[in-house]
PDB file of N, CA and C in Angstrom:
ATOM      1  N   UNK A   1      25.319  31.208  -5.380  1.00  0.00           N
ATOM      2  CA  UNK A   1      25.596  32.167  -4.130  1.00  0.00           C
ATOM      3  C   UNK A   1      26.093  33.460  -4.146  1.00  0.00           C
ATOM      4  N   UNK A   2      26.103  33.557  -5.761  1.00  0.00           N
ATOM      5  CA  UNK A   2      26.703  35.251  -5.970  1.00  0.00           C
ATOM      6  C   UNK A   2      25.201  35.980  -6.180  1.00  0.00           C
ATOM      7  N   UNK A   3      24.244  35.021  -6.814  1.00  0.00           N
ATOM      8  CA  UNK A   3      22.964  35.635  -6.701  1.00  0.00           C
ATOM      9  C   UNK A   3      22.030  35.880  -5.680  1.00  0.00           C
ATOM     10  N   UNK A   4      22.066  35.146  -4.128  1.00  0.00           N
ATOM     11  CA  UNK A   4      22.303  35.173  -3.155  1.00  0.00           C
ATOM     12  C   UNK A   4      22.514  36.191  -2.617  1.00  0.00           C
ATOM     13  N   UNK A   5      23.831  36.661  -2.812  1.00  0.00           N
ATOM     14  CA  UNK A   5      24.447  37.693  -2.093  1.00  0.00           C
ATOM     15  C   UNK A   5      23.733  38.881  -2.731  1.00  0.00           C
ATOM     16  N   UNK A   6      23.872  39.333  -3.919  1.00  0.00           N
ATOM     17  CA  UNK A   6      23.133  40.186  -4.828  1.00  0.00           C
ATOM     18  C   UNK A   6      21.756  40.397  -4.113  1.00  0.00           C
ATOM     19  N   UNK A   7      21.073  39.389  -3.902  1.00  0.00           N
ATOM     20  CA  UNK A   7      20.043  39.862  -3.440  1.00  0.00           C
ATOM     21  C   UNK A   7      19.592  40.404  -2.197  1.00  0.00           C
ATOM     22  N   UNK A   8      21.201  40.076  -1.239  1.00  0.00           N
ATOM     23  CA  UNK A   8      20.939  40.743  -0.082  1.00  0.00           C
ATOM     24  C   UNK A   8      21.960  41.909   0.085  1.00  0.00           C
ATOM     25  N   UNK A   9      22.281  42.643  -1.014  1.00  0.00           N
ATOM     26  CA  UNK A   9      23.014  43.326  -0.936  1.00  0.00           C
ATOM     27  C   UNK A   9      24.483  43.502   0.179  1.00  0.00           C
ATOM     28  N   UNK A  10      24.959  41.938  -0.479  1.00  0.00           N
ATOM     29  CA  UNK A  10      25.436  41.858   0.269  1.00  0.00           C
ATOM     30  C   UNK A  10      27.389  41.709  -0.379  1.00  0.00           C
ATOM     31  N   UNK A  11      28.191  41.885  -0.019  1.00  0.00           N
ATOM     32  CA  UNK A  11      29.631  41.403  -0.873  1.00  0.00           C
ATOM     33  C   UNK A  11      30.392  40.515  -0.563  1.00  0.00           C
ATOM     34  N   UNK A  12      30.603  39.838   0.663  1.00  0.00           N
ATOM     35  CA  UNK A  12      31.056  38.692   0.262  1.00  0.00           C
ATOM     36  C   UNK A  12      30.014  37.694   0.787  1.00  0.00           C
ATOM     37  N   UNK A  13      30.342  36.285   0.538  1.00  0.00           N
ATOM     38  CA  UNK A  13      29.422  35.159   0.382  1.00  0.00           C
ATOM     39  C   UNK A  13      30.182  34.761   2.334  1.00  0.00           C
ATOM     40  N   UNK A  14      29.067  34.823   3.048  1.00  0.00           N
ATOM     41  CA  UNK A  14      29.026  34.215   4.446  1.00  0.00           C
ATOM     42  C   UNK A  14      28.729  32.637   4.699  1.00  0.00           C
ATOM     43  N   UNK A  15      29.260  32.428   5.986  1.00  0.00           N
ATOM     44  CA  UNK A  15      28.270  31.419   6.539  1.00  0.00           C
ATOM     45  C   UNK A  15      26.887  30.746   6.319  1.00  0.00           C
ATOM     46  N   UNK A  16      26.238  31.982   6.403  1.00  0.00           N
ATOM     47  CA  UNK A  16      24.612  31.957   6.648  1.00  0.00           C
ATOM     48  C   UNK A  16      24.442  31.915   5.043  1.00  0.00           C
ATOM     49  N   UNK A  17      24.888  32.546   3.960  1.00  0.00           N
ATOM     50  CA  UNK A  17      24.658  32.335   2.896  1.00  0.00           C
ATOM     51  C   UNK A  17      25.207  30.924   1.875  1.00  0.00           C
ATOM     52  N   UNK A  18      25.968  30.428   2.584  1.00  0.00           N
ATOM     53  CA  UNK A  18      26.485  29.072   2.078  1.00  0.00           C
ATOM     54  C   UNK A  18      25.400  28.071   2.611  1.00  0.00           C
ATOM     55  N   UNK A  19      25.109  27.948   3.688  1.00  0.00           N
ATOM     56  CA  UNK A  19      24.022  27.285   4.216  1.00  0.00           C
ATOM     57  C   UNK A  19      22.684  27.340   3.565  1.00  0.00           C
ATOM     58  N   UNK A  20      22.214  28.257   3.642  1.00  0.00           N
ATOM     59  CA  UNK A  20      21.052  28.322   2.753  1.00  0.00           C
ATOM     60  C   UNK A  20      20.895  28.284   1.394  1.00  0.00           C
ATOM     61  N   UNK A  21      22.247  28.386   0.700  1.00  0.00           N
ATOM     62  CA  UNK A  21      22.210  27.943  -0.952  1.00  0.00           C
ATOM     63  C   UNK A  21      22.188  25.759  -0.451  1.00  0.00           C
ATOM     64  N   UNK A  22      22.695  25.753  -0.201  1.00  0.00           N
ATOM     65  CA  UNK A  22      23.179  24.257   0.424  1.00  0.00           C
ATOM     66  C   UNK A  22      21.589  23.656   0.503  1.00  0.00           C
ATOM     67  N   UNK A  23      20.970  24.657   1.444  1.00  0.00           N
ATOM     68  CA  UNK A  23      19.415  24.178   2.069  1.00  0.00           C
ATOM     69  C   UNK A  23      18.190  24.498   1.170  1.00  0.00           C
ATOM     70  N   UNK A  24      18.780  24.985   0.068  1.00  0.00           N
ATOM     71  CA  UNK A  24      17.780  25.342  -1.507  1.00  0.00           C
ATOM     72  C   UNK A  24      17.888  24.505  -2.193  1.00  0.00           C
ATOM     73  N   UNK A  25      19.383  24.318  -2.448  1.00  0.00           N
ATOM     74  CA  UNK A  25      19.708  22.909  -3.553  1.00  0.00           C
ATOM     75  C   UNK A  25      19.287  21.549  -2.824  1.00  0.00           C
ATOM     76  N   UNK A  26      19.205  21.286  -1.665  1.00  0.00           N
ATOM     77  CA  UNK A  26      18.653  20.049  -1.225  1.00  0.00           C
ATOM     78  C   UNK A  26      17.308  20.055  -1.252  1.00  0.00           C
ATOM     79  N   UNK A  27      16.524  20.909  -1.068  1.00  0.00           N
ATOM     80  CA  UNK A  27      15.002  21.028  -1.805  1.00  0.00           C
ATOM     81  C   UNK A  27      14.813  20.779  -2.731  1.00  0.00           C
ATOM     82  N   UNK A  28      15.724  21.206  -3.957  1.00  0.00           N
ATOM     83  CA  UNK A  28      15.101  21.414  -5.658  1.00  0.00           C
ATOM     84  C   UNK A  28      15.482  19.725  -6.148  1.00  0.00           C
ATOM     85  N   UNK A  29      16.228  19.280  -5.518  1.00  0.00           N
ATOM     86  CA  UNK A  29      17.187  18.072  -5.448  1.00  0.00           C
ATOM     87  C   UNK A  29      15.833  17.430  -5.027  1.00  0.00           C
ATOM     88  N   UNK A  30      14.821  17.356  -4.100  1.00  0.00           N
ATOM     89  CA  UNK A  30      14.036  16.505  -3.817  1.00  0.00           C
ATOM     90  C   UNK A  30      12.863  16.701  -4.234  1.00  0.00           C
ATOM     91  N   UNK A  31      12.587  17.960  -4.642  1.00  0.00           N
ATOM     92  CA  UNK A  31      11.363  17.935  -5.771  1.00  0.00           C
ATOM     93  C   UNK A  31      11.645  17.316  -7.063  1.00  0.00           C
ATOM     94  N   UNK A  32      12.867  17.351  -7.077  1.00  0.00           N
ATOM     95  CA  UNK A  32      12.954  16.496  -8.732  1.00  0.00           C
ATOM     96  C   UNK A  32      13.151  15.413  -8.675  1.00  0.00           C
ATOM     97  N   UNK A  33      13.095  14.671  -7.805  1.00  0.00           N
ATOM     98  CA  UNK A  33      13.365  13.530  -7.329  1.00  0.00           C
ATOM     99  C   UNK A  33      11.639  12.716  -7.372  1.00  0.00           C
ATOM    100  N   UNK A  34      10.633  13.877  -6.971  1.00  0.00           N
ATOM    101  CA  UNK A  34       9.424  13.330  -6.692  1.00  0.00           C
ATOM    102  C   UNK A  34       8.994  13.458  -7.904  1.00  0.00           C
ATOM    103  N   UNK A  35       8.836  14.583  -8.996  1.00  0.00           N
ATOM    104  CA  UNK A  35       8.269  15.243 -10.211  1.00  0.00           C
ATOM    105  C   UNK A  35       8.771  15.022 -11.337  1.00  0.00           C
ATOM    106  N   UNK A  36      10.173  14.678 -11.430  1.00  0.00           N
ATOM    107  CA  UNK A  36      10.766  14.244 -12.774  1.00  0.00           C
ATOM    108  C   UNK A  36      10.176  13.417 -13.587  1.00  0.00           C
ATOM    109  N   UNK A  37       9.398  13.512 -14.877  1.00  0.00           N
ATOM    110  CA  UNK A  37       9.140  12.603 -15.509  1.00  0.00           C
ATOM    111  C   UNK A  37       9.913  11.738 -16.056  1.00  0.00           C
ATOM    112  N   UNK A  38      10.008  10.198 -16.326  1.00  0.00           N
ATOM    113  CA  UNK A  38      10.621   9.359 -16.687  1.00  0.00           C
ATOM    114  C   UNK A  38      10.019   8.104 -17.318  1.00  0.00           C
ATOM    115  N   UNK A  39      10.473   8.328 -18.688  1.00  0.00           N
ATOM    116  CA  UNK A  39      10.264   7.391 -19.755  1.00  0.00           C
ATOM    117  C   UNK A  39       9.910   5.854 -18.983  1.00  0.00           C
ATOM    118  N   UNK A  40       8.845   5.339 -19.630  1.00  0.00           N
ATOM    119  CA  UNK A  40       9.056   3.965 -18.773  1.00  0.00           C
ATOM    120  C   UNK A  40       8.407   3.227 -20.368  1.00  0.00           C
ATOM    121  N   UNK A  41       9.080   1.411 -20.367  1.00  0.00           N
ATOM    122  CA  UNK A  41       8.253   0.719 -21.284  1.00  0.00           C
ATOM    123  C   UNK A  41       7.190   0.106 -21.138  1.00  0.00           C
ATOM    124  N   UNK A  42       7.158  -0.441 -20.008  1.00  0.00           N
ATOM    125  CA  UNK A  42       6.158  -1.507 -19.633  1.00  0.00           C
ATOM    126  C   UNK A  42       5.030  -0.424 -18.833  1.00  0.00           C
ATOM    127  N   UNK A  43       3.694  -0.947 -18.456  1.00  0.00           N
ATOM    128  CA  UNK A  43       2.918  -0.435 -17.479  1.00  0.00           C
ATOM    129  C   UNK A  43       3.384  -0.986 -15.793  1.00  0.00           C
ATOM    130  N   UNK A  44       4.134  -2.263 -15.959  1.00  0.00           N
ATOM    131  CA  UNK A  44       4.758  -2.243 -14.861  1.00  0.00           C
ATOM    132  C   UNK A  44       5.632  -1.455 -14.326  1.00  0.00           C
ATOM    133  N   UNK A  45       6.693  -0.876 -14.989  1.00  0.00           N
ATOM    134  CA  UNK A  45       7.850  -0.196 -15.028  1.00  0.00           C
ATOM    135  C   UNK A  45       6.925   1.161 -14.700  1.00  0.00           C
ATOM    136  N   UNK A  46       6.050   1.129 -15.266  1.00  0.00           N
ATOM    137  CA  UNK A  46       5.073   2.832 -15.011  1.00  0.00           C
ATOM    138  C   UNK A  46       4.980   3.358 -13.174  1.00  0.00           C
ATOM    139  N   UNK A  47       4.390   2.146 -13.179  1.00  0.00           N
ATOM    140  CA  UNK A  47       3.602   1.823 -11.592  1.00  0.00           C
ATOM    141  C   UNK A  47       4.745   1.595 -10.909  1.00  0.00           C
ATOM    142  N   UNK A  48       5.951   1.179 -11.232  1.00  0.00           N
ATOM    143  CA  UNK A  48       6.899   0.568 -10.415  1.00  0.00           C
ATOM    144  C   UNK A  48       7.794   2.213 -10.053  1.00  0.00           C
ATOM    145  N   UNK A  49       7.749   3.000 -10.666  1.00  0.00           N
ATOM    146  CA  UNK A  49       8.110   4.616 -11.129  1.00  0.00           C
ATOM    147  C   UNK A  49       7.243   5.061  -9.817  1.00  0.00           C
ATOM    148  N   UNK A  50       5.902   5.095  -9.791  1.00  0.00           N
ATOM    149  CA  UNK A  50       5.338   5.564  -9.121  1.00  0.00           C
ATOM    150  C   UNK A  50       5.107   5.276  -7.474  1.00  0.00           C
ATOM    151  N   UNK A  51       5.447   3.840  -7.339  1.00  0.00           N
ATOM    152  CA  UNK A  51       5.558   3.391  -6.094  1.00  0.00           C
ATOM    153  C   UNK A  51       6.951   3.879  -5.567  1.00  0.00           C
ATOM    154  N   UNK A  52       8.243   4.023  -6.336  1.00  0.00           N
ATOM    155  CA  UNK A  52       9.071   4.577  -5.898  1.00  0.00           C
ATOM    156  C   UNK A  52       8.931   6.290  -5.473  1.00  0.00           C
ATOM    157  N   UNK A  53       8.730   6.506  -6.401  1.00  0.00           N
ATOM    158  CA  UNK A  53       8.076   8.501  -6.164  1.00  0.00           C
ATOM    159  C   UNK A  53       7.187   8.442  -4.802  1.00  0.00           C
ATOM    160  N   UNK A  54       6.337   7.577  -4.402  1.00  0.00           N
ATOM    161  CA  UNK A  54       5.575   7.607  -3.212  1.00  0.00           C
ATOM    162  C   UNK A  54       5.964   7.575  -2.031  1.00  0.00           C
ATOM    163  N   UNK A  55       7.118   6.666  -2.195  1.00  0.00           N
ATOM    164  CA  UNK A  55       7.895   6.454  -0.928  1.00  0.00           C
ATOM    165  C   UNK A  55       8.625   7.012  -0.757  1.00  0.00           C
ATOM    166  N   UNK A  56       9.694   7.793  -1.697  1.00  0.00           N
ATOM    167  CA  UNK A  56      10.200   9.194  -1.219  1.00  0.00           C
ATOM    168  C   UNK A  56       9.065  10.180  -0.671  1.00  0.00           C
ATOM    169  N   UNK A  57       8.399  10.558  -1.312  1.00  0.00           N
ATOM    170  CA  UNK A  57       7.448  11.553  -0.797  1.00  0.00           C
ATOM    171  C   UNK A  57       6.401  11.155   0.574  1.00  0.00           C
ATOM    172  N   UNK A  58       6.378  10.136   0.830  1.00  0.00           N
ATOM    173  CA  UNK A  58       6.146   9.208   2.467  1.00  0.00           C
ATOM    174  C   UNK A  58       7.232   9.065   3.377  1.00  0.00           C
ATOM    175  N   UNK A  59       8.281   9.127   3.011  1.00  0.00           N
ATOM    176  CA  UNK A  59       9.223   9.346   4.141  1.00  0.00           C
ATOM    177  C   UNK A  59      10.414   7.701   3.578  1.00  0.00           C
ATOM    178  N   UNK A  60       9.608   7.008   2.935  1.00  0.00           N
ATOM    179  CA  UNK A  60       9.979   5.649   2.521  1.00  0.00           C
ATOM    180  C   UNK A  60       9.158   4.575   3.268  1.00  0.00           C
ATOM    181  N   UNK A  61       8.081   5.056   3.774  1.00  0.00           N
ATOM    182  CA  UNK A  61       7.065   3.961   4.652  1.00  0.00           C
ATOM    183  C   UNK A  61       5.712   4.376   4.254  1.00  0.00           C
ATOM    184  N   UNK A  62       4.818   3.365   3.721  1.00  0.00           N
ATOM    185  CA  UNK A  62       3.221   3.579   3.715  1.00  0.00           C
ATOM    186  C   UNK A  62       2.660   2.514   3.735  1.00  0.00           C
ATOM    187  N   UNK A  63       1.783   2.111   4.137  1.00  0.00           N
ATOM    188  CA  UNK A  63       1.075   1.312   3.846  1.00  0.00           C
ATOM    189  C   UNK A  63       0.664   0.970   2.628  1.00  0.00           C
ATOM    190  N   UNK A  64       0.234  -0.577   2.243  1.00  0.00           N
ATOM    191  CA  UNK A  64      -0.269  -1.081   0.754  1.00  0.00           C
ATOM    192  C   UNK A  64      -1.247  -0.770   0.027  1.00  0.00           C
ATOM    193  N   UNK A  65      -2.339  -0.428   1.223  1.00  0.00           N
ATOM    194  CA  UNK A  65      -3.729  -0.465   0.422  1.00  0.00           C
ATOM    195  C   UNK A  65      -3.570   1.288   0.457  1.00  0.00           C
ATOM    196  N   UNK A  66      -2.871   2.276   1.155  1.00  0.00           N
ATOM    197  CA  UNK A  66      -2.747   3.308   1.051  1.00  0.00           C
ATOM    198  C   UNK A  66      -2.079   3.921  -0.471  1.00  0.00           C
ATOM    199  N   UNK A  67      -0.624   2.957  -0.507  1.00  0.00           N
ATOM    200  CA  UNK A  67      -0.217   3.168  -1.607  1.00  0.00           C
ATOM    201  C   UNK A  67      -0.727   3.053  -2.753  1.00  0.00           C
ATOM    202  N   UNK A  68      -1.888   2.042  -2.732  1.00  0.00           N
ATOM    203  CA  UNK A  68      -2.232   1.448  -3.808  1.00  0.00           C
ATOM    204  C   UNK A  68      -3.289   3.140  -4.208  1.00  0.00           C
ATOM    205  N   UNK A  69      -4.143   3.736  -3.014  1.00  0.00           N
ATOM    206  CA  UNK A  69      -4.864   4.745  -3.334  1.00  0.00           C
ATOM    207  C   UNK A  69      -3.973   5.869  -4.039  1.00  0.00           C
ATOM    208  N   UNK A  70      -2.920   5.793  -3.314  1.00  0.00           N
ATOM    209  CA  UNK A  70      -2.062   7.393  -4.050  1.00  0.00           C
ATOM    210  C   UNK A  70      -1.489   7.245  -5.172  1.00  0.00           C
ATOM    211  N   UNK A  71      -1.350   5.609  -5.754  1.00  0.00           N
ATOM    212  CA  UNK A  71      -0.815   6.112  -7.056  1.00  0.00           C
ATOM    213  C   UNK A  71      -1.836   5.849  -7.853  1.00  0.00           C
ATOM    214  N   UNK A  72      -3.124   5.762  -7.645  1.00  0.00           N
ATOM    215  CA  UNK A  72      -4.463   5.212  -8.473  1.00  0.00           C
ATOM    216  C   UNK A  72      -4.121   3.732  -9.435  1.00  0.00           C
ATOM    217  N   UNK A  73      -3.734   3.138  -8.339  1.00  0.00           N
ATOM    218  CA  UNK A  73      -3.722   1.356  -8.689  1.00  0.00           C
ATOM    219  C   UNK A  73      -4.942   1.237  -9.404  1.00  0.00           C
ATOM    220  N   UNK A  74      -6.020   1.662  -9.504  1.00  0.00           N
ATOM    221  CA  UNK A  74      -7.369   1.381  -9.909  1.00  0.00           C
ATOM    222  C   UNK A  74      -7.363   1.553 -11.887  1.00  0.00           C
ATOM    223  N   UNK A  75      -6.803   2.439 -11.883  1.00  0.00           N
ATOM    224  CA  UNK A  75      -6.593   2.580 -13.370  1.00  0.00           C
ATOM    225  C   UNK A  75      -5.911   1.809 -13.858  1.00  0.00           C
ATOM    226  N   UNK A  76      -4.589   0.847 -13.457  1.00  0.00           N
ATOM    227  CA  UNK A  76      -4.134   0.111 -14.254  1.00  0.00           C
ATOM    228  C   UNK A  76      -4.342  -1.567 -13.995  1.00  0.00           C
ATOM    229  N   UNK A  77      -5.182  -1.442 -12.666  1.00  0.00           N
ATOM    230  CA  UNK A  77      -5.224  -2.861 -11.874  1.00  0.00           C
ATOM    231  C   UNK A  77      -4.345  -3.246 -10.972  1.00  0.00           C
ATOM    232  N   UNK A  78      -5.108  -3.994  -9.972  1.00  0.00           N
ATOM    233  CA  UNK A  78      -4.176  -4.864  -9.277  1.00  0.00           C
ATOM    234  C   UNK A  78      -3.802  -6.262  -9.697  1.00  0.00           C
ATOM    235  N   UNK A  79      -3.787  -6.660 -10.743  1.00  0.00           N
ATOM    236  CA  UNK A  79      -2.543  -7.413 -11.063  1.00  0.00           C
ATOM    237  C   UNK A  79      -1.952  -6.748 -11.738  1.00  0.00           C
ATOM    238  N   UNK A  80      -1.283  -5.705 -12.110  1.00  0.00           N
ATOM    239  CA  UNK A  80      -0.108  -4.907 -12.756  1.00  0.00           C
ATOM    240  C   UNK A  80       0.552  -4.663 -11.222  1.00  0.00           C
ATOM    241  N   UNK A  81      -0.431  -3.723 -10.559  1.00  0.00           N
ATOM    242  CA  UNK A  81      -0.105  -3.241  -9.094  1.00  0.00           C
ATOM    243  C   UNK A  81       0.884  -4.250  -8.483  1.00  0.00           C
ATOM    244  N   UNK A  82       0.422  -5.849  -8.438  1.00  0.00           N
ATOM    245  CA  UNK A  82       0.926  -6.782  -7.578  1.00  0.00           C
ATOM    246  C   UNK A  82       2.233  -7.295  -8.423  1.00  0.00           C
ATOM    247  N   UNK A  83       2.310  -7.370  -9.992  1.00  0.00           N
ATOM    248  CA  UNK A  83       3.532  -7.350 -10.502  1.00  0.00           C
ATOM    249  C   UNK A  83       4.656  -6.568 -10.039  1.00  0.00           C
ATOM    250  N   UNK A  84       4.137  -5.038 -10.193  1.00  0.00           N
ATOM    251  CA  UNK A  84       5.174  -3.929  -9.558  1.00  0.00           C
ATOM    252  C   UNK A  84       5.866  -4.450  -8.265  1.00  0.00           C
ATOM    253  N   UNK A  85       4.834  -4.173  -7.531  1.00  0.00           N
ATOM    254  CA  UNK A  85       5.398  -4.824  -6.116  1.00  0.00           C
ATOM    255  C   UNK A  85       6.296  -5.916  -6.112  1.00  0.00           C
ATOM    256  N   UNK A  86       5.981  -6.810  -6.979  1.00  0.00           N
ATOM    257  CA  UNK A  86       7.045  -8.126  -7.053  1.00  0.00           C
ATOM    258  C   UNK A  86       8.082  -7.939  -7.319  1.00  0.00           C
ATOM    259  N   UNK A  87       8.230  -6.984  -8.386  1.00  0.00           N
ATOM    260  CA  UNK A  87       9.439  -6.625  -9.264  1.00  0.00           C
ATOM    261  C   UNK A  87      10.366  -6.179  -8.477  1.00  0.00           C
ATOM    262  N   UNK A  88       9.667  -4.823  -7.597  1.00  0.00           N
ATOM    263  CA  UNK A  88      10.655  -4.121  -6.816  1.00  0.00           C
ATOM    264  C   UNK A  88      11.471  -5.251  -5.742  1.00  0.00           C
ATOM    265  N   UNK A  89       9.829  -5.990  -5.111  1.00  0.00           N
ATOM    266  CA  UNK A  89      10.942  -6.993  -3.952  1.00  0.00           C
ATOM    267  C   UNK A  89      12.217  -7.428  -4.559  1.00  0.00           C
ATOM    268  N   UNK A  90      11.927  -8.149  -5.849  1.00  0.00           N
ATOM    269  CA  UNK A  90      12.445  -8.941  -6.765  1.00  0.00           C
ATOM    270  C   UNK A  90      14.050  -8.357  -6.171  1.00  0.00           C
ATOM    271  N   UNK A  91      14.254  -6.927  -6.908  1.00  0.00           N
ATOM    272  CA  UNK A  91      15.141  -5.896  -7.355  1.00  0.00           C
ATOM    273  C   UNK A  91      15.615  -5.688  -5.768  1.00  0.00           C
ATOM    274  N   UNK A  92      15.251  -5.753  -4.570  1.00  0.00           N
ATOM    275  CA  UNK A  92      15.555  -5.307  -3.172  1.00  0.00           C
ATOM    276  C   UNK A  92      15.648  -3.935  -2.976  1.00  0.00           C
ATOM    277  N   UNK A  93      14.588  -3.214  -3.747  1.00  0.00           N
ATOM    278  CA  UNK A  93      14.356  -2.156  -3.794  1.00  0.00           C
ATOM    279  C   UNK A  93      13.020  -2.029  -2.720  1.00  0.00           C
ATOM    280  N   UNK A  94      12.602  -2.547  -2.609  1.00  0.00           N
ATOM    281  CA  UNK A  94      11.719  -2.234  -1.548  1.00  0.00           C
ATOM    282  C   UNK A  94      11.114  -3.880  -0.620  1.00  0.00           C
ATOM    283  N   UNK A  95      10.341  -3.439   0.471  1.00  0.00           N
ATOM    284  CA  UNK A  95      10.422  -4.878   1.390  1.00  0.00           C
ATOM    285  C   UNK A  95       8.919  -4.470   2.191  1.00  0.00           C
ATOM    286  N   UNK A  96       7.850  -5.826   1.842  1.00  0.00           N
ATOM    287  CA  UNK A  96       6.316  -5.587   2.549  1.00  0.00           C
ATOM    288  C   UNK A  96       6.706  -6.148   3.579  1.00  0.00           C
ATOM    289  N   UNK A  97       5.930  -5.391   4.790  1.00  0.00           N
ATOM    290  CA  UNK A  97       6.321  -5.910   5.929  1.00  0.00           C
ATOM    291  C   UNK A  97       5.034  -6.021   6.800  1.00  0.00           C
ATOM    292  N   UNK A  98       4.780  -7.381   7.111  1.00  0.00           N
ATOM    293  CA  UNK A  98       3.150  -7.252   7.683  1.00  0.00           C
ATOM    294  C   UNK A  98       3.455  -7.054   9.336  1.00  0.00           C
ATOM    295  N   UNK A  99       2.980  -5.888   9.641  1.00  0.00           N
ATOM    296  CA  UNK A  99       2.526  -5.324  10.761  1.00  0.00           C
ATOM    297  C   UNK A  99       1.447  -5.440  11.896  1.00  0.00           C
ATOM    298  N   UNK A 100       1.599  -5.882  13.174  1.00  0.00           N
ATOM    299  CA  UNK A 100       0.617  -6.677  13.949  1.00  0.00           C
ATOM    300  C   UNK A 100      -0.787  -5.504  13.809  1.00  0.00           C
ATOM    301  N   UNK A 101      -1.824  -5.708  13.911  1.00  0.00           N
ATOM    302  CA  UNK A 101      -3.068  -5.126  13.828  1.00  0.00           C
ATOM    303  C   UNK A 101      -2.841  -4.451  15.606  1.00  0.00           C
ATOM    304  N   UNK A 102      -3.958  -3.034  15.074  1.00  0.00           N
ATOM    305  CA  UNK A 102      -4.121  -2.336  16.431  1.00  0.00           C
ATOM    306  C   UNK A 102      -5.096  -2.770  17.286  1.00  0.00           C
ATOM    307  N   UNK A 103      -6.409  -3.685  16.325  1.00  0.00           N
ATOM    308  CA  UNK A 103      -7.278  -4.029  16.991  1.00  0.00           C
ATOM    309  C   UNK A 103      -7.003  -5.428  17.205  1.00  0.00           C
ATOM    310  N   UNK A 104      -7.622  -5.896  18.383  1.00  0.00           N
ATOM    311  CA  UNK A 104      -8.002  -7.343  18.474  1.00  0.00           C
ATOM    312  C   UNK A 104      -8.691  -8.056  17.782  1.00  0.00           C
ATOM    313  N   UNK A 105      -7.945  -9.094  17.161  1.00  0.00           N
ATOM    314  CA  UNK A 105      -8.495  -9.938  15.999  1.00  0.00           C
ATOM    315  C   UNK A 105      -8.709  -9.688  14.895  1.00  0.00           C
ATOM    316  N   UNK A 106      -8.161  -8.750  14.655  1.00  0.00           N
ATOM    317  CA  UNK A 106      -7.732  -7.697  13.206  1.00  0.00           C
ATOM    318  C   UNK A 106      -7.103  -8.207  12.621  1.00  0.00           C
ATOM    319  N   UNK A 107      -6.556  -8.194  11.541  1.00  0.00           N
ATOM    320  CA  UNK A 107      -5.583  -8.818  10.503  1.00  0.00           C
ATOM    321  C   UNK A 107      -4.411  -7.700  10.500  1.00  0.00           C
ATOM    322  N   UNK A 108      -3.148  -8.693  10.129  1.00  0.00           N
ATOM    323  CA  UNK A 108      -2.374  -7.559   9.837  1.00  0.00           C
ATOM    324  C   UNK A 108      -2.227  -6.564   8.636  1.00  0.00           C
ATOM    325  N   UNK A 109      -1.987  -5.532   9.145  1.00  0.00           N
ATOM    326  CA  UNK A 109      -1.546  -3.899   8.229  1.00  0.00           C
ATOM    327  C   UNK A 109      -0.040  -4.438   6.948  1.00  0.00           C
ATOM    328  N   UNK A 110      -0.234  -4.358   5.894  1.00  0.00           N
ATOM    329  CA  UNK A 110       0.996  -4.552   4.778  1.00  0.00           C
ATOM    330  C   UNK A 110       1.743  -2.969   5.285  1.00  0.00           C
ATOM    331  N   UNK A 111       2.716  -3.061   5.099  1.00  0.00           N
ATOM    332  CA  UNK A 111       3.660  -1.656   5.244  1.00  0.00           C
ATOM    333  C   UNK A 111       4.608  -2.206   4.138  1.00  0.00           C
ATOM    334  N   UNK A 112       4.712  -1.140   3.205  1.00  0.00           N
ATOM    335  CA  UNK A 112       5.670  -1.005   2.097  1.00  0.00           C
ATOM    336  C   UNK A 112       6.956  -0.368   2.048  1.00  0.00           C
ATOM    337  N   UNK A 113       8.550  -1.012   2.108  1.00  0.00           N
ATOM    338  CA  UNK A 113       9.024   0.392   2.966  1.00  0.00           C
ATOM    339  C   UNK A 113      10.330   0.148   1.639  1.00  0.00           C
ATOM    340  N   UNK A 114      10.937   1.513   1.835  1.00  0.00           N
ATOM    341  CA  UNK A 114      12.132   1.298   1.112  1.00  0.00           C
ATOM    342  C   UNK A 114      12.990   0.611   1.565  1.00  0.00           C
ATOM    343  N   UNK A 115      14.012  -0.128   1.025  1.00  0.00           N
ATOM    344  CA  UNK A 115      15.132  -0.919   1.433  1.00  0.00           C
ATOM    345  C   UNK A 115      15.977  -0.406   2.276  1.00  0.00           C
ATOM    346  N   UNK A 116      16.487   0.614   1.833  1.00  0.00           N
ATOM    347  CA  UNK A 116      17.490   1.604   2.371  1.00  0.00           C
ATOM    348  C   UNK A 116      17.200   2.557   3.778  1.00  0.00           C
ATOM    349  N   UNK A 117      15.575   2.082   3.898  1.00  0.00           N
ATOM    350  CA  UNK A 117      15.553   2.932   5.241  1.00  0.00           C
ATOM    351  C   UNK A 117      15.299   1.936   6.419  1.00  0.00           C
ATOM    352  N   UNK A 118      15.621   0.357   5.848  1.00  0.00           N
ATOM    353  CA  UNK A 118      15.268  -0.798   6.965  1.00  0.00           C
ATOM    354  C   UNK A 118      16.646  -0.704   7.715  1.00  0.00           C
ATOM    355  N   UNK A 119      16.100  -1.369   9.058  1.00  0.00           N
ATOM    356  CA  UNK A 119      17.500  -0.963   9.728  1.00  0.00           C
ATOM    357  C   UNK A 119      17.989  -2.654  10.410  1.00  0.00           C
ATOM    358  N   UNK A 120      18.959  -2.991   8.822  1.00  0.00           N
ATOM    359  CA  UNK A 120      19.216  -4.270   8.750  1.00  0.00           C
ATOM    360  C   UNK A 120      20.399  -4.718   9.669  1.00  0.00           C
TER     361      UNK A 120
END
């Protein structure tokens, strides 16, 4: 807050400065959650971390096939991706929800959702 006061040539900390500092700190926390590298022991754990980061980036909900593309699932393979999804489901971190197709006769679309975003 002091740095922001100095940059605005203000001698007192105002409510506006406090609100802007809090907004800046929240932005920084969100960026760190998305981009902070985490060491992983297994390939599944690495993919799990990528899935969680993408869910945060996409607001907690993304289609399964879109998620596969976004995390470059082809680099590790479908079996590793499926294991990671299952591990996260078993750990109650995510839920895979089948949404009805908007096209008549189309197959349902699997949506991956962060459990904390579900209205249970």
